[in-house]
PDB file of all heavy atoms in Angstrom:
ATOM      1  N   GLY A   1     -23.140 -16.448   7.605  1.00  0.00           N
ATOM      2  CA  GLY A   1     -22.174 -15.417   7.280  1.00  0.00           C
ATOM      3  C   GLY A   1     -21.458 -15.629   5.959  1.00  0.00           C
ATOM      4  O   GLY A   1     -21.115 -14.657   5.263  1.00  0.00           O
ATOM      5  N   ASP A   2     -21.234 -16.881   5.580  1.00  0.00           N
ATOM      6  CA  ASP A   2     -20.567 -17.161   4.296  1.00  0.00           C
ATOM      7  C   ASP A   2     -21.410 -16.680   3.125  1.00  0.00           C
ATOM      8  O   ASP A   2     -20.889 -16.185   2.126  1.00  0.00           O
ATOM      9  CB  ASP A   2     -20.304 -18.661   4.147  1.00  0.00           C
ATOM     10  CG  ASP A   2     -19.191 -19.150   5.061  1.00  0.00           C
ATOM     11  OD1 ASP A   2     -18.553 -18.305   5.713  1.00  0.00           O
ATOM     12  OD2 ASP A   2     -18.968 -20.365   5.120  1.00  0.00           O
ATOM     13  N   GLU A   3     -22.736 -16.836   3.243  1.00  0.00           N
ATOM     14  CA  GLU A   3     -23.627 -16.383   2.175  1.00  0.00           C
ATOM     15  C   GLU A   3     -23.658 -14.859   2.117  1.00  0.00           C
ATOM     16  O   GLU A   3     -23.788 -14.279   1.027  1.00  0.00           O
ATOM     17  CB  GLU A   3     -25.031 -16.952   2.382  1.00  0.00           C
ATOM     18  CG  GLU A   3     -25.195 -18.396   1.971  1.00  0.00           C
ATOM     19  CD  GLU A   3     -24.377 -19.360   2.819  1.00  0.00           C
ATOM     20  OE1 GLU A   3     -24.244 -19.123   4.039  1.00  0.00           O
ATOM     21  OE2 GLU A   3     -23.853 -20.347   2.271  1.00  0.00           O
ATOM     22  N   PHE A   4     -23.542 -14.188   3.265  1.00  0.00           N
ATOM     23  CA  PHE A   4     -23.452 -12.726   3.268  1.00  0.00           C
ATOM     24  C   PHE A   4     -22.199 -12.291   2.498  1.00  0.00           C
ATOM     25  O   PHE A   4     -22.242 -11.368   1.686  1.00  0.00           O
ATOM     26  CB  PHE A   4     -23.358 -12.186   4.694  1.00  0.00           C
ATOM     27  CG  PHE A   4     -24.570 -12.450   5.549  1.00  0.00           C
ATOM     28  CD1 PHE A   4     -24.499 -12.312   6.925  1.00  0.00           C
ATOM     29  CD2 PHE A   4     -25.789 -12.831   4.994  1.00  0.00           C
ATOM     30  CE1 PHE A   4     -25.607 -12.540   7.728  1.00  0.00           C
ATOM     31  CE2 PHE A   4     -26.891 -13.072   5.781  1.00  0.00           C
ATOM     32  CZ  PHE A   4     -26.805 -12.925   7.160  1.00  0.00           C
ATOM     33  N   THR A   5     -21.097 -12.981   2.766  1.00  0.00           N
ATOM     34  CA  THR A   5     -19.842 -12.666   2.079  1.00  0.00           C
ATOM     35  C   THR A   5     -19.968 -12.892   0.578  1.00  0.00           C
ATOM     36  O   THR A   5     -19.546 -12.053  -0.231  1.00  0.00           O
ATOM     37  CB  THR A   5     -18.698 -13.537   2.644  1.00  0.00           C
ATOM     38  OG1 THR A   5     -18.553 -13.282   4.046  1.00  0.00           O
ATOM     39  CG2 THR A   5     -17.379 -13.235   1.942  1.00  0.00           C
ATOM     40  N   ALA A   6     -20.557 -14.029   0.196  1.00  0.00           N
ATOM     41  CA  ALA A   6     -20.726 -14.343  -1.226  1.00  0.00           C
ATOM     42  C   ALA A   6     -21.621 -13.326  -1.918  1.00  0.00           C
ATOM     43  O   ALA A   6     -21.395 -12.972  -3.090  1.00  0.00           O
ATOM     44  CB  ALA A   6     -21.310 -15.748  -1.378  1.00  0.00           C
ATOM     45  N   ALA A   7     -22.625 -12.820  -1.212  1.00  0.00           N
ATOM     46  CA  ALA A   7     -23.534 -11.836  -1.787  1.00  0.00           C
ATOM     47  C   ALA A   7     -22.808 -10.521  -2.068  1.00  0.00           C
ATOM     48  O   ALA A   7     -23.095  -9.842  -3.059  1.00  0.00           O
ATOM     49  CB  ALA A   7     -24.713 -11.599  -0.851  1.00  0.00           C
ATOM     50  N   ILE A   8     -21.873 -10.165  -1.191  1.00  0.00           N
ATOM     51  CA  ILE A   8     -21.086  -8.946  -1.407  1.00  0.00           C
ATOM     52  C   ILE A   8     -20.183  -9.113  -2.622  1.00  0.00           C
ATOM     53  O   ILE A   8     -20.048  -8.205  -3.451  1.00  0.00           O
ATOM     54  CB  ILE A   8     -20.272  -8.613  -0.142  1.00  0.00           C
ATOM     55  CG1 ILE A   8     -21.218  -8.197   0.991  1.00  0.00           C
ATOM     56  CG2 ILE A   8     -19.254  -7.507  -0.422  1.00  0.00           C
ATOM     57  CD1 ILE A   8     -20.538  -8.005   2.334  1.00  0.00           C
ATOM     58  N   ILE A   9     -19.577 -10.288  -2.764  1.00  0.00           N
ATOM     59  CA  ILE A   9     -18.733 -10.565  -3.934  1.00  0.00           C
ATOM     60  C   ILE A   9     -19.550 -10.430  -5.215  1.00  0.00           C
ATOM     61  O   ILE A   9     -19.121  -9.791  -6.187  1.00  0.00           O
ATOM     62  CB  ILE A   9     -18.123 -11.985  -3.839  1.00  0.00           C
ATOM     63  CG1 ILE A   9     -17.120 -12.061  -2.689  1.00  0.00           C
ATOM     64  CG2 ILE A   9     -17.444 -12.369  -5.163  1.00  0.00           C
ATOM     65  CD1 ILE A   9     -16.583 -13.460  -2.426  1.00  0.00           C
ATOM     66  N   GLU A  10     -20.739 -11.009  -5.242  1.00  0.00           N
ATOM     67  CA  GLU A  10     -21.598 -10.973  -6.420  1.00  0.00           C
ATOM     68  C   GLU A  10     -22.067  -9.547  -6.722  1.00  0.00           C
ATOM     69  O   GLU A  10     -22.136  -9.137  -7.899  1.00  0.00           O
ATOM     70  CB  GLU A  10     -22.804 -11.894  -6.205  1.00  0.00           C
ATOM     71  CG  GLU A  10     -23.655 -12.130  -7.437  1.00  0.00           C
ATOM     72  CD  GLU A  10     -22.941 -12.909  -8.525  1.00  0.00           C
ATOM     73  OE1 GLU A  10     -21.895 -13.523  -8.245  1.00  0.00           O
ATOM     74  OE2 GLU A  10     -23.444 -12.895  -9.670  1.00  0.00           O
ATOM     75  N   TYR A  11     -22.388  -8.802  -5.693  1.00  0.00           N
ATOM     76  CA  TYR A  11     -22.856  -7.415  -5.864  1.00  0.00           C
ATOM     77  C   TYR A  11     -21.772  -6.563  -6.521  1.00  0.00           C
ATOM     78  O   TYR A  11     -22.039  -5.819  -7.469  1.00  0.00           O
ATOM     79  CB  TYR A  11     -23.232  -6.841  -4.495  1.00  0.00           C
ATOM     80  CG  TYR A  11     -23.754  -5.414  -4.525  1.00  0.00           C
ATOM     81  CD1 TYR A  11     -25.113  -5.153  -4.644  1.00  0.00           C
ATOM     82  CD2 TYR A  11     -22.882  -4.331  -4.429  1.00  0.00           C
ATOM     83  CE1 TYR A  11     -25.602  -3.854  -4.668  1.00  0.00           C
ATOM     84  CE2 TYR A  11     -23.356  -3.024  -4.450  1.00  0.00           C
ATOM     85  CZ  TYR A  11     -24.717  -2.794  -4.572  1.00  0.00           C
ATOM     86  OH  TYR A  11     -25.178  -1.492  -4.601  1.00  0.00           O
ATOM     87  N   VAL A  12     -20.546  -6.669  -6.010  1.00  0.00           N
ATOM     88  CA  VAL A  12     -19.438  -5.885  -6.551  1.00  0.00           C
ATOM     89  C   VAL A  12     -19.144  -6.289  -7.996  1.00  0.00           C
ATOM     90  O   VAL A  12     -18.863  -5.445  -8.857  1.00  0.00           O
ATOM     91  CB  VAL A  12     -18.179  -6.050  -5.676  1.00  0.00           C
ATOM     92  CG1 VAL A  12     -16.959  -5.383  -6.315  1.00  0.00           C
ATOM     93  CG2 VAL A  12     -18.426  -5.466  -4.291  1.00  0.00           C
ATOM     94  N   LYS A  13     -19.256  -7.579  -8.267  1.00  0.00           N
ATOM     95  CA  LYS A  13     -19.025  -8.073  -9.628  1.00  0.00           C
ATOM     96  C   LYS A  13     -20.056  -7.502 -10.602  1.00  0.00           C
ATOM     97  O   LYS A  13     -19.723  -7.043 -11.700  1.00  0.00           O
ATOM     98  CB  LYS A  13     -19.080  -9.598  -9.631  1.00  0.00           C
ATOM     99  CG  LYS A  13     -18.940 -10.229 -11.011  1.00  0.00           C
ATOM    100  CD  LYS A  13     -19.122 -11.738 -10.932  1.00  0.00           C
ATOM    101  CE  LYS A  13     -19.100 -12.366 -12.314  1.00  0.00           C
ATOM    102  NZ  LYS A  13     -19.341 -13.834 -12.246  1.00  0.00           N
ATOM    103  N   ASN A  14     -21.320  -7.523 -10.190  1.00  0.00           N
ATOM    104  CA  ASN A  14     -22.393  -7.069 -11.069  1.00  0.00           C
ATOM    105  C   ASN A  14     -22.407  -5.550 -11.246  1.00  0.00           C
ATOM    106  O   ASN A  14     -22.693  -5.048 -12.338  1.00  0.00           O
ATOM    107  CB  ASN A  14     -23.751  -7.531 -10.534  1.00  0.00           C
ATOM    108  CG  ASN A  14     -23.925  -9.031 -10.610  1.00  0.00           C
ATOM    109  OD1 ASN A  14     -23.280  -9.704 -11.418  1.00  0.00           O
ATOM    110  ND2 ASN A  14     -24.780  -9.579  -9.770  1.00  0.00           N
ATOM    111  N   LYS A  15     -22.093  -4.821 -10.201  1.00  0.00           N
ATOM    112  CA  LYS A  15     -22.180  -3.365 -10.265  1.00  0.00           C
ATOM    113  C   LYS A  15     -20.928  -2.718 -10.835  1.00  0.00           C
ATOM    114  O   LYS A  15     -21.007  -1.737 -11.581  1.00  0.00           O
ATOM    115  CB  LYS A  15     -22.468  -2.797  -8.872  1.00  0.00           C
ATOM    116  CG  LYS A  15     -22.680  -1.276  -8.866  1.00  0.00           C
ATOM    117  CD  LYS A  15     -23.160  -0.782  -7.516  1.00  0.00           C
ATOM    118  CE  LYS A  15     -23.430   0.711  -7.545  1.00  0.00           C
ATOM    119  NZ  LYS A  15     -23.943   1.211  -6.249  1.00  0.00           N
ATOM    120  N   TYR A  16     -19.767  -3.281 -10.489  1.00  0.00           N
ATOM    121  CA  TYR A  16     -18.507  -2.630 -10.876  1.00  0.00           C
ATOM    122  C   TYR A  16     -17.651  -3.468 -11.832  1.00  0.00           C
ATOM    123  O   TYR A  16     -16.542  -3.055 -12.178  1.00  0.00           O
ATOM    124  CB  TYR A  16     -17.684  -2.320  -9.622  1.00  0.00           C
ATOM    125  CG  TYR A  16     -18.333  -1.324  -8.694  1.00  0.00           C
ATOM    126  CD1 TYR A  16     -18.941  -1.748  -7.513  1.00  0.00           C
ATOM    127  CD2 TYR A  16     -18.349   0.030  -8.993  1.00  0.00           C
ATOM    128  CE1 TYR A  16     -19.533  -0.840  -6.643  1.00  0.00           C
ATOM    129  CE2 TYR A  16     -18.939   0.951  -8.133  1.00  0.00           C
ATOM    130  CZ  TYR A  16     -19.533   0.504  -6.964  1.00  0.00           C
ATOM    131  OH  TYR A  16     -20.119   1.412  -6.108  1.00  0.00           O
ATOM    132  N   ASP A  17     -18.130  -4.651 -12.221  1.00  0.00           N
ATOM    133  CA  ASP A  17     -17.330  -5.558 -13.048  1.00  0.00           C
ATOM    134  C   ASP A  17     -15.998  -5.875 -12.376  1.00  0.00           C
ATOM    135  O   ASP A  17     -14.977  -6.085 -13.049  1.00  0.00           O
ATOM    136  CB  ASP A  17     -17.062  -4.958 -14.438  1.00  0.00           C
ATOM    137  CG  ASP A  17     -18.336  -4.682 -15.208  1.00  0.00           C
ATOM    138  OD1 ASP A  17     -19.142  -5.614 -15.338  1.00  0.00           O
ATOM    139  OD2 ASP A  17     -18.522  -3.527 -15.647  1.00  0.00           O
ATOM    140  N   LEU A  18     -16.034  -5.927 -11.054  1.00  0.00           N
ATOM    141  CA  LEU A  18     -14.808  -6.115 -10.276  1.00  0.00           C
ATOM    142  C   LEU A  18     -14.860  -7.437  -9.515  1.00  0.00           C
ATOM    143  O   LEU A  18     -15.825  -7.720  -8.797  1.00  0.00           O
ATOM    144  CB  LEU A  18     -14.627  -4.956  -9.294  1.00  0.00           C
ATOM    145  CG  LEU A  18     -13.238  -4.830  -8.652  1.00  0.00           C
ATOM    146  CD1 LEU A  18     -12.208  -4.374  -9.683  1.00  0.00           C
ATOM    147  CD2 LEU A  18     -13.287  -3.852  -7.479  1.00  0.00           C
ATOM    148  N   LEU A  19     -13.822  -8.244  -9.698  1.00  0.00           N
ATOM    149  CA  LEU A  19     -13.714  -9.501  -8.955  1.00  0.00           C
ATOM    150  C   LEU A  19     -12.900  -9.268  -7.696  1.00  0.00           C
ATOM    151  O   LEU A  19     -11.753  -8.828  -7.762  1.00  0.00           O
ATOM    152  CB  LEU A  19     -13.038 -10.566  -9.815  1.00  0.00           C
ATOM    153  CG  LEU A  19     -13.725 -10.945 -11.123  1.00  0.00           C
ATOM    154  CD1 LEU A  19     -12.904 -12.003 -11.851  1.00  0.00           C
ATOM    155  CD2 LEU A  19     -15.146 -11.440 -10.869  1.00  0.00           C
ATOM    156  N   ILE A  20     -13.517  -9.531  -6.542  1.00  0.00           N
ATOM    157  CA  ILE A  20     -12.787  -9.424  -5.276  1.00  0.00           C
ATOM    158  C   ILE A  20     -12.795 -10.790  -4.609  1.00  0.00           C
ATOM    159  O   ILE A  20     -13.681 -11.611  -4.835  1.00  0.00           O
ATOM    160  CB  ILE A  20     -13.388  -8.361  -4.334  1.00  0.00           C
ATOM    161  CG1 ILE A  20     -14.842  -8.716  -3.964  1.00  0.00           C
ATOM    162  CG2 ILE A  20     -13.309  -6.975  -4.977  1.00  0.00           C
ATOM    163  CD1 ILE A  20     -15.444  -7.790  -2.911  1.00  0.00           C
ATOM    164  N   GLY A  21     -11.795 -11.043  -3.778  1.00  0.00           N
ATOM    165  CA  GLY A  21     -11.659 -12.335  -3.128  1.00  0.00           C
ATOM    166  C   GLY A  21     -12.535 -12.478  -1.905  1.00  0.00           C
ATOM    167  O   GLY A  21     -13.084 -11.507  -1.383  1.00  0.00           O
ATOM    168  N   GLU A  22     -12.662 -13.720  -1.449  1.00  0.00           N
ATOM    169  CA  GLU A  22     -13.481 -14.014  -0.272  1.00  0.00           C
ATOM    170  C   GLU A  22     -12.958 -13.293   0.963  1.00  0.00           C
ATOM    171  O   GLU A  22     -13.733 -12.768   1.773  1.00  0.00           O
ATOM    172  CB  GLU A  22     -13.500 -15.532  -0.035  1.00  0.00           C
ATOM    173  CG  GLU A  22     -14.354 -15.968   1.129  1.00  0.00           C
ATOM    174  CD  GLU A  22     -14.364 -17.475   1.313  1.00  0.00           C
ATOM    175  OE1 GLU A  22     -14.039 -18.197   0.357  1.00  0.00           O
ATOM    176  OE2 GLU A  22     -14.692 -17.931   2.422  1.00  0.00           O
ATOM    177  N   HIS A  23     -11.629 -13.264   1.112  1.00  0.00           N
ATOM    178  CA  HIS A  23     -11.035 -12.599   2.278  1.00  0.00           C
ATOM    179  C   HIS A  23     -11.373 -11.117   2.267  1.00  0.00           C
ATOM    180  O   HIS A  23     -11.719 -10.537   3.311  1.00  0.00           O
ATOM    181  CB  HIS A  23      -9.518 -12.805   2.269  1.00  0.00           C
ATOM    182  CG  HIS A  23      -8.819 -12.148   3.414  1.00  0.00           C
ATOM    183  ND1 HIS A  23      -8.818 -12.679   4.688  1.00  0.00           N
ATOM    184  CD2 HIS A  23      -8.096 -10.990   3.489  1.00  0.00           C
ATOM    185  CE1 HIS A  23      -8.131 -11.888   5.491  1.00  0.00           C
ATOM    186  NE2 HIS A  23      -7.688 -10.861   4.785  1.00  0.00           N
ATOM    187  N   THR A  24     -11.281 -10.492   1.096  1.00  0.00           N
ATOM    188  CA  THR A  24     -11.594  -9.059   0.976  1.00  0.00           C
ATOM    189  C   THR A  24     -13.063  -8.791   1.302  1.00  0.00           C
ATOM    190  O   THR A  24     -13.399  -7.861   2.045  1.00  0.00           O
ATOM    191  CB  THR A  24     -11.284  -8.564  -0.450  1.00  0.00           C
ATOM    192  OG1 THR A  24      -9.894  -8.723  -0.709  1.00  0.00           O
ATOM    193  CG2 THR A  24     -11.657  -7.100  -0.616  1.00  0.00           C
ATOM    194  N   ALA A  25     -13.950  -9.610   0.749  1.00  0.00           N
ATOM    195  CA  ALA A  25     -15.383  -9.429   0.987  1.00  0.00           C
ATOM    196  C   ALA A  25     -15.742  -9.633   2.454  1.00  0.00           C
ATOM    197  O   ALA A  25     -16.591  -8.918   3.004  1.00  0.00           O
ATOM    198  CB  ALA A  25     -16.179 -10.387   0.105  1.00  0.00           C
ATOM    199  N   ALA A  26     -15.099 -10.618   3.097  1.00  0.00           N
ATOM    200  CA  ALA A  26     -15.357 -10.866   4.513  1.00  0.00           C
ATOM    201  C   ALA A  26     -14.929  -9.669   5.355  1.00  0.00           C
ATOM    202  O   ALA A  26     -15.599  -9.295   6.331  1.00  0.00           O
ATOM    203  CB  ALA A  26     -14.628 -12.123   4.963  1.00  0.00           C
ATOM    204  N   LYS A  27     -13.829  -9.048   4.961  1.00  0.00           N
ATOM    205  CA  LYS A  27     -13.345  -7.868   5.681  1.00  0.00           C
ATOM    206  C   LYS A  27     -14.314  -6.707   5.517  1.00  0.00           C
ATOM    207  O   LYS A  27     -14.591  -5.966   6.473  1.00  0.00           O
ATOM    208  CB  LYS A  27     -11.957  -7.476   5.166  1.00  0.00           C
ATOM    209  CG  LYS A  27     -11.292  -6.378   5.977  1.00  0.00           C
ATOM    210  CD  LYS A  27      -9.879  -6.124   5.484  1.00  0.00           C
ATOM    211  CE  LYS A  27      -9.222  -5.017   6.328  1.00  0.00           C
ATOM    212  NZ  LYS A  27      -7.847  -4.730   5.842  1.00  0.00           N
ATOM    213  N   VAL A  28     -14.856  -6.539   4.296  1.00  0.00           N
ATOM    214  CA  VAL A  28     -15.869  -5.508   4.054  1.00  0.00           C
ATOM    215  C   VAL A  28     -17.077  -5.744   4.953  1.00  0.00           C
ATOM    216  O   VAL A  28     -17.604  -4.822   5.581  1.00  0.00           O
ATOM    217  CB  VAL A  28     -16.293  -5.505   2.567  1.00  0.00           C
ATOM    218  CG1 VAL A  28     -17.523  -4.613   2.360  1.00  0.00           C
ATOM    219  CG2 VAL A  28     -15.149  -5.044   1.682  1.00  0.00           C
ATOM    220  N   LYS A  29     -17.528  -6.986   5.011  1.00  0.00           N
ATOM    221  CA  LYS A  29     -18.689  -7.341   5.841  1.00  0.00           C
ATOM    222  C   LYS A  29     -18.448  -7.001   7.302  1.00  0.00           C
ATOM    223  O   LYS A  29     -19.313  -6.420   7.977  1.00  0.00           O
ATOM    224  CB  LYS A  29     -18.981  -8.835   5.688  1.00  0.00           C
ATOM    225  CG  LYS A  29     -20.132  -9.348   6.526  1.00  0.00           C
ATOM    226  CD  LYS A  29     -20.268 -10.856   6.392  1.00  0.00           C
ATOM    227  CE  LYS A  29     -19.069 -11.584   6.985  1.00  0.00           C
ATOM    228  NZ  LYS A  29     -19.205 -13.057   6.900  1.00  0.00           N
ATOM    229  N   GLU A  30     -17.270  -7.350   7.794  1.00  0.00           N
ATOM    230  CA  GLU A  30     -16.958  -7.130   9.200  1.00  0.00           C
ATOM    231  C   GLU A  30     -16.808  -5.647   9.530  1.00  0.00           C
ATOM    232  O   GLU A  30     -17.201  -5.195  10.611  1.00  0.00           O
ATOM    233  CB  GLU A  30     -15.669  -7.874   9.567  1.00  0.00           C
ATOM    234  CG  GLU A  30     -15.814  -9.395   9.526  1.00  0.00           C
ATOM    235  CD  GLU A  30     -14.487 -10.115   9.545  1.00  0.00           C
ATOM    236  OE1 GLU A  30     -13.464  -9.423   9.719  1.00  0.00           O
ATOM    237  OE2 GLU A  30     -14.467 -11.348   9.374  1.00  0.00           O
ATOM    238  N   GLU A  31     -16.240  -4.875   8.618  1.00  0.00           N
ATOM    239  CA  GLU A  31     -15.946  -3.474   8.911  1.00  0.00           C
ATOM    240  C   GLU A  31     -17.130  -2.537   8.680  1.00  0.00           C
ATOM    241  O   GLU A  31     -17.343  -1.609   9.461  1.00  0.00           O
ATOM    242  CB  GLU A  31     -14.747  -3.006   8.085  1.00  0.00           C
ATOM    243  CG  GLU A  31     -13.437  -3.689   8.476  1.00  0.00           C
ATOM    244  CD  GLU A  31     -12.245  -3.123   7.726  1.00  0.00           C
ATOM    245  OE1 GLU A  31     -12.424  -2.214   6.883  1.00  0.00           O
ATOM    246  OE2 GLU A  31     -11.118  -3.597   7.985  1.00  0.00           O
ATOM    247  N   ILE A  32     -17.903  -2.766   7.599  1.00  0.00           N
ATOM    248  CA  ILE A  32     -18.980  -1.819   7.303  1.00  0.00           C
ATOM    249  C   ILE A  32     -20.310  -2.485   6.980  1.00  0.00           C
ATOM    250  O   ILE A  32     -21.295  -1.800   6.694  1.00  0.00           O
ATOM    251  CB  ILE A  32     -18.595  -0.886   6.130  1.00  0.00           C
ATOM    252  CG1 ILE A  32     -18.449  -1.690   4.827  1.00  0.00           C
ATOM    253  CG2 ILE A  32     -17.328  -0.108   6.444  1.00  0.00           C
ATOM    254  CD1 ILE A  32     -18.344  -0.823   3.587  1.00  0.00           C
ATOM    255  N   GLY A  33     -20.351  -3.830   6.988  1.00  0.00           N
ATOM    256  CA  GLY A  33     -21.586  -4.530   6.647  1.00  0.00           C
ATOM    257  C   GLY A  33     -22.740  -4.152   7.544  1.00  0.00           C
ATOM    258  O   GLY A  33     -22.552  -3.879   8.740  1.00  0.00           O
ATOM    259  N   CYS A  34     -23.951  -4.126   6.995  1.00  0.00           N
ATOM    260  CA  CYS A  34     -25.107  -3.781   7.817  1.00  0.00           C
ATOM    261  C   CYS A  34     -26.379  -4.367   7.225  1.00  0.00           C
ATOM    262  O   CYS A  34     -26.484  -4.584   6.014  1.00  0.00           O
ATOM    263  CB  CYS A  34     -25.250  -2.263   7.972  1.00  0.00           C
ATOM    264  SG  CYS A  34     -25.501  -1.359   6.435  1.00  0.00           S
ATOM    265  N   ALA A  35     -27.340  -4.629   8.102  1.00  0.00           N
ATOM    266  CA  ALA A  35     -28.644  -5.141   7.683  1.00  0.00           C
ATOM    267  C   ALA A  35     -29.706  -4.069   7.745  1.00  0.00           C
ATOM    268  O   ALA A  35     -30.819  -4.251   7.248  1.00  0.00           O
ATOM    269  CB  ALA A  35     -29.049  -6.316   8.582  1.00  0.00           C
ATOM    270  N   PHE A  36     -29.376  -2.936   8.355  1.00  0.00           N
ATOM    271  CA  PHE A  36     -30.279  -1.792   8.465  1.00  0.00           C
ATOM    272  C   PHE A  36     -29.450  -0.536   8.245  1.00  0.00           C
ATOM    273  O   PHE A  36     -28.283  -0.480   8.621  1.00  0.00           O
ATOM    274  CB  PHE A  36     -30.938  -1.754   9.852  1.00  0.00           C
ATOM    275  CG  PHE A  36     -32.136  -0.859   9.936  1.00  0.00           C
ATOM    276  CD1 PHE A  36     -33.393  -1.331   9.601  1.00  0.00           C
ATOM    277  CD2 PHE A  36     -32.013   0.465  10.348  1.00  0.00           C
ATOM    278  CE1 PHE A  36     -34.504  -0.509   9.670  1.00  0.00           C
ATOM    279  CE2 PHE A  36     -33.105   1.293  10.417  1.00  0.00           C
ATOM    280  CZ  PHE A  36     -34.368   0.804  10.075  1.00  0.00           C
TER     281      PHE A  36
END
């Protein structure tokens, strides 16, 4: 799960030039994250 969170942080950074924190990314993963 930590790597899933880190991947979301990296994705947002690369696509939007936006730095978000680990807590924020973990919340995104829990609320709307999906594998399919």
